[in-house]
Protein backbone atom coordinates (compact mmCIF):
# COMPACT_ATOMS: atom_id res chain seq x y z
CA MET A 1 0.18 -0.14 0.05
CA SER A 2 1.03 3.76 -0.80
CA ASN A 3 2.01 5.94 1.68
CA ILE A 4 2.42 10.09 1.55
CA SER A 5 5.95 9.74 1.35
CA ASP A 6 5.63 7.59 -2.27
CA PHE A 7 3.19 10.01 -3.41
CA LYS A 8 5.63 12.41 -2.21
CA SER A 9 8.59 11.06 -4.31
CA GLN A 10 5.67 10.94 -7.36
CA LEU A 11 4.97 14.40 -7.25
CA THR A 12 8.27 16.13 -9.72
CA GLY A 13 8.93 19.70 -9.05
CA GLY A 14 6.30 19.95 -5.88
CA GLY A 15 3.62 20.09 -8.52
CA ALA A 16 2.64 22.45 -11.55
CA ARG A 17 1.89 26.29 -10.35
CA PRO A 18 -1.10 27.49 -12.14
CA ASN A 19 0.29 31.01 -11.61
CA LEU A 20 3.71 30.30 -13.29
CA PHE A 21 2.91 31.03 -16.93
CA LYS A 22 3.52 33.03 -20.06
CA CYS A 23 1.36 34.36 -23.22
CA LYS A 24 2.30 35.75 -25.94
CA VAL A 25 0.00 37.06 -28.57
CA PHE A 26 1.08 37.73 -32.36
CA PHE A 27 -0.98 40.24 -33.55
CA PRO A 28 -1.51 40.90 -37.40
CA PRO A 29 1.58 42.94 -38.69
CA GLU A 30 -1.22 46.04 -39.36
CA LEU A 31 -1.25 46.07 -35.69
CA SER A 32 2.21 44.51 -34.38
CA THR A 33 4.46 46.47 -32.42
CA ASP A 34 7.30 45.80 -30.00
CA THR A 35 5.31 47.74 -27.04
CA LEU A 36 1.97 45.96 -27.63
CA THR A 37 3.87 42.57 -27.99
CA LYS A 38 5.59 43.19 -24.59
CA LEU A 39 2.76 44.73 -22.91
CA GLY A 40 0.70 41.84 -24.29
CA SER A 41 2.75 39.55 -22.10
CA PHE A 42 2.60 41.07 -18.69
CA MET A 43 -1.30 42.24 -19.04
CA ILE A 44 -2.39 39.23 -19.93
CA LYS A 45 -3.27 37.56 -16.35
CA GLY A 46 -5.28 34.33 -17.25
CA ALA A 47 -5.47 32.05 -19.88
CA GLN A 48 -5.37 28.12 -20.13
CA LEU A 49 -3.32 24.67 -21.40
CA PRO A 50 -6.12 24.20 -24.98
CA SER A 51 -8.22 21.77 -24.53
CA SER A 52 -7.58 18.23 -26.59
CA VAL A 53 -10.93 16.43 -27.79
CA ILE A 54 -11.67 13.32 -29.65
CA ALA A 55 -15.77 13.50 -29.95
CA PRO A 56 -16.79 9.67 -30.17
CA VAL A 57 -19.09 8.43 -32.74
CA GLU A 58 -21.98 6.10 -31.74
CA VAL A 59 -22.73 3.21 -34.14
CA PRO A 60 -26.23 1.88 -33.01
CA TYR A 61 -26.14 -2.41 -32.95
CA LEU A 62 -29.05 -4.26 -31.67
CA GLY A 63 -29.84 -1.95 -29.02
CA ARG A 64 -26.64 -1.21 -27.65
CA LYS A 65 -23.78 1.72 -28.99
CA LEU A 66 -20.73 1.09 -30.28
CA LYS A 67 -18.18 4.44 -29.07
CA VAL A 68 -15.61 4.41 -31.56
CA ALA A 69 -13.25 7.28 -32.66
CA GLY A 70 -14.72 10.83 -34.37
CA ASP A 71 -12.88 13.51 -35.64
CA ARG A 72 -10.21 16.10 -33.22
CA THR A 73 -12.07 19.54 -32.86
CA PHE A 74 -10.24 22.18 -30.92
CA GLU A 75 -12.61 24.30 -27.93
CA PRO A 76 -12.70 27.90 -28.20
CA TRP A 77 -9.63 28.86 -26.58
CA THR A 78 -9.48 32.49 -23.76
CA ILE A 79 -7.55 34.39 -22.21
CA THR A 80 -7.61 37.94 -19.27
CA VAL A 81 -6.36 40.71 -19.78
CA ILE A 82 -5.78 43.32 -17.05
CA ASN A 83 -7.26 46.76 -19.02
CA ASP A 84 -4.79 49.86 -17.75
CA GLU A 85 -5.93 53.77 -18.54
CA ASN A 86 -4.24 53.54 -22.17
CA MET A 87 -6.84 50.31 -23.34
CA LEU A 88 -3.84 49.78 -25.65
CA ILE A 89 -4.65 45.53 -25.85
CA ARG A 90 -8.73 46.26 -25.66
CA ASP A 91 -8.06 48.86 -28.44
CA ALA A 92 -5.84 46.22 -30.28
CA PHE A 93 -8.18 43.16 -29.97
CA GLU A 94 -10.72 45.68 -31.26
CA THR A 95 -9.16 46.73 -33.91
CA TRP A 96 -8.34 43.08 -35.14
CA MET A 97 -11.85 41.86 -35.61
CA ASP A 98 -12.89 45.95 -37.19
CA LEU A 99 -10.33 44.60 -40.04
CA ILE A 100 -12.13 40.97 -40.18
CA ASN A 101 -14.82 41.88 -39.98
CA ASP A 102 -15.72 46.58 -39.83
CA ASN A 103 -18.56 47.33 -37.44
CA LYS A 104 -20.34 49.72 -39.98
CA ALA A 105 -19.51 48.69 -43.04
CA ASN A 106 -19.88 45.15 -42.59
CA THR A 107 -16.64 44.20 -44.86
CA SER A 108 -13.17 43.04 -44.28
CA GLN A 109 -9.85 44.69 -45.03
CA TYR A 110 -8.74 40.90 -45.94
CA SER A 111 -10.62 40.77 -48.65
CA GLN A 112 -8.40 40.20 -51.52
CA SER A 113 -8.02 36.45 -52.59
CA GLY A 114 -4.26 36.19 -51.69
CA GLU A 115 -5.16 37.66 -48.50
CA ALA A 116 -8.20 36.87 -47.07
CA LEU A 117 -6.86 34.64 -44.75
CA ASN A 118 -4.25 36.70 -42.94
CA TYR A 119 -6.00 37.70 -40.03
CA MET A 120 -5.02 34.50 -38.82
CA ARG A 121 -2.27 34.21 -35.91
CA PRO A 122 -0.20 31.96 -33.46
CA VAL A 123 -0.62 32.50 -29.38
CA GLU A 124 1.38 30.91 -27.64
CA VAL A 125 1.34 29.71 -23.63
CA GLU A 126 3.63 28.07 -21.65
CA GLN A 127 3.71 25.99 -18.43
CA LEU A 128 6.82 27.76 -15.97
CA GLY A 129 8.56 25.38 -14.13
CA ARG A 130 9.32 26.79 -10.76
CA ASP A 131 12.98 26.41 -10.76
CA GLY A 132 13.64 27.92 -14.14
CA ALA A 133 14.22 24.45 -15.78
CA GLY A 134 12.50 23.61 -18.88
CA HIS A 135 12.64 22.17 -22.32
CA GLY A 136 11.71 25.53 -23.53
CA LEU A 137 10.06 27.01 -27.25
CA SER A 138 11.78 28.48 -30.04
CA SER A 139 9.71 31.76 -29.02
CA GLY A 140 12.27 32.40 -26.23
CA LEU A 141 9.08 33.32 -23.67
CA GLY A 142 11.29 31.23 -20.92
CA ALA A 143 12.00 27.86 -19.25
CA ALA A 144 8.72 26.15 -20.40
CA ILE A 145 7.63 22.63 -18.84
CA LYS A 146 5.32 22.72 -21.39
CA GLY A 147 4.44 24.70 -24.36
CA TYR A 148 1.34 25.01 -27.16
CA LYS A 149 1.63 27.00 -29.79
CA LEU A 150 -2.37 27.67 -31.42
CA ILE A 151 -1.77 28.00 -35.06
CA ASP A 152 -3.87 30.46 -36.84
CA ALA A 153 -6.06 32.10 -34.26
CA PHE A 154 -8.17 35.42 -34.56
CA PRO A 155 -10.44 36.67 -31.54
CA THR A 156 -14.49 35.95 -32.02
CA ASN A 157 -15.05 37.56 -28.63
CA ILE A 158 -14.10 40.55 -26.45
CA SER A 159 -15.94 40.60 -23.42
CA ALA A 160 -17.95 43.73 -21.82
CA ILE A 161 -16.16 45.90 -18.53
CA ASP A 162 -19.12 46.42 -16.57
CA LEU A 163 -18.95 49.79 -15.00
CA ASN A 164 -20.08 50.48 -11.88
CA TYR A 165 -19.99 53.56 -9.22
CA GLU A 166 -20.38 51.03 -6.14
CA THR A 167 -16.80 48.65 -7.21
CA ASN A 168 -14.20 50.43 -5.67
CA ASP A 169 -10.74 48.81 -5.33
CA THR A 170 -10.11 47.05 -7.97
CA ILE A 171 -9.09 46.75 -12.04
CA GLU A 172 -11.06 46.50 -15.06
CA GLU A 173 -10.64 42.98 -16.78
CA PHE A 174 -11.86 41.74 -19.55
CA THR A 175 -11.52 38.29 -21.29
CA VAL A 176 -11.18 37.71 -25.03
CA GLU A 177 -12.20 34.55 -26.38
CA PHE A 178 -10.22 32.57 -29.80
CA ASN A 179 -10.96 30.28 -32.33
CA TYR A 180 -8.31 28.25 -34.39
CA GLN A 181 -7.24 25.58 -35.90
CA TYR A 182 -5.45 22.99 -33.74
CA TRP A 183 -2.39 23.58 -31.71
CA VAL A 184 0.66 21.96 -31.67
CA SER A 185 3.22 21.30 -28.17
CA ASN A 186 6.38 21.54 -27.18
CA THR A 187 6.57 18.02 -25.53
CA THR A 188 4.07 15.78 -28.15
CA ALA A 189 5.59 14.37 -30.99
CA ALA A 190 3.21 16.34 -33.37
CA THR A 191 5.14 19.65 -33.42
CA SER A 192 6.75 20.33 -36.58
CA ASP A 193 4.90 23.51 -37.83
CA SER A 194 6.92 26.58 -39.75
CA ASN A 195 4.36 29.14 -38.19
C-alpha cells in the first residue's frame, strides 16, 4: 500500500503551479509593435493550456451503441486581460476584429484572395517550472515545462467591461475568446510547424 512519502516522491517539482505561465499573442502586421507585444505578455493575467477533444461516434447495434473515435475538435480558447488606462490591448483586439469585419460597413480589410486569411495569427502559452528549468520553446519566452502554439488563431469575442459606482479597489479586466485551427505542443510528437 502506498503512503504519503511514496506520493511525495512522485510529485515532480512539487507540482506544476497555475500562476507560473507566459502567454504571447502575435497580432496582425497592421497592429503589431514591440510595445504591444511586450505589454500583452504582462497584461494577460489568465489563460489555459488548451483542451484536447476527440468526440466519439456512436454506432448503434442491436440496442447498444458502439463508440468509436471520431474527429478531433479544438474548443475555443480564452484569455483574461488586465485593462490599463491606455486601453492599448483592448483597442488592439477591437481593431483586429474590425479588420476582420468592420463594425459599420460589414466589410473585411482582408478581402484580396491572397490575403483573405491573413488575420489568423499564432498564439503561444507556456507553463513555467518553479526552478527555471524546462524544455523551452522557439519563442524564447522562458523555461517552459510545457508549451503550446495555437495555429491560425483569431479573436471571436471580446467581453464587456462592467462599470459601476460601487466597484472600488479593483482594476478592470476583460476576456478575449479565440478560435484556431489546431495546436502543437513542445513535448508531443506533432510539434513541427513553420508558423
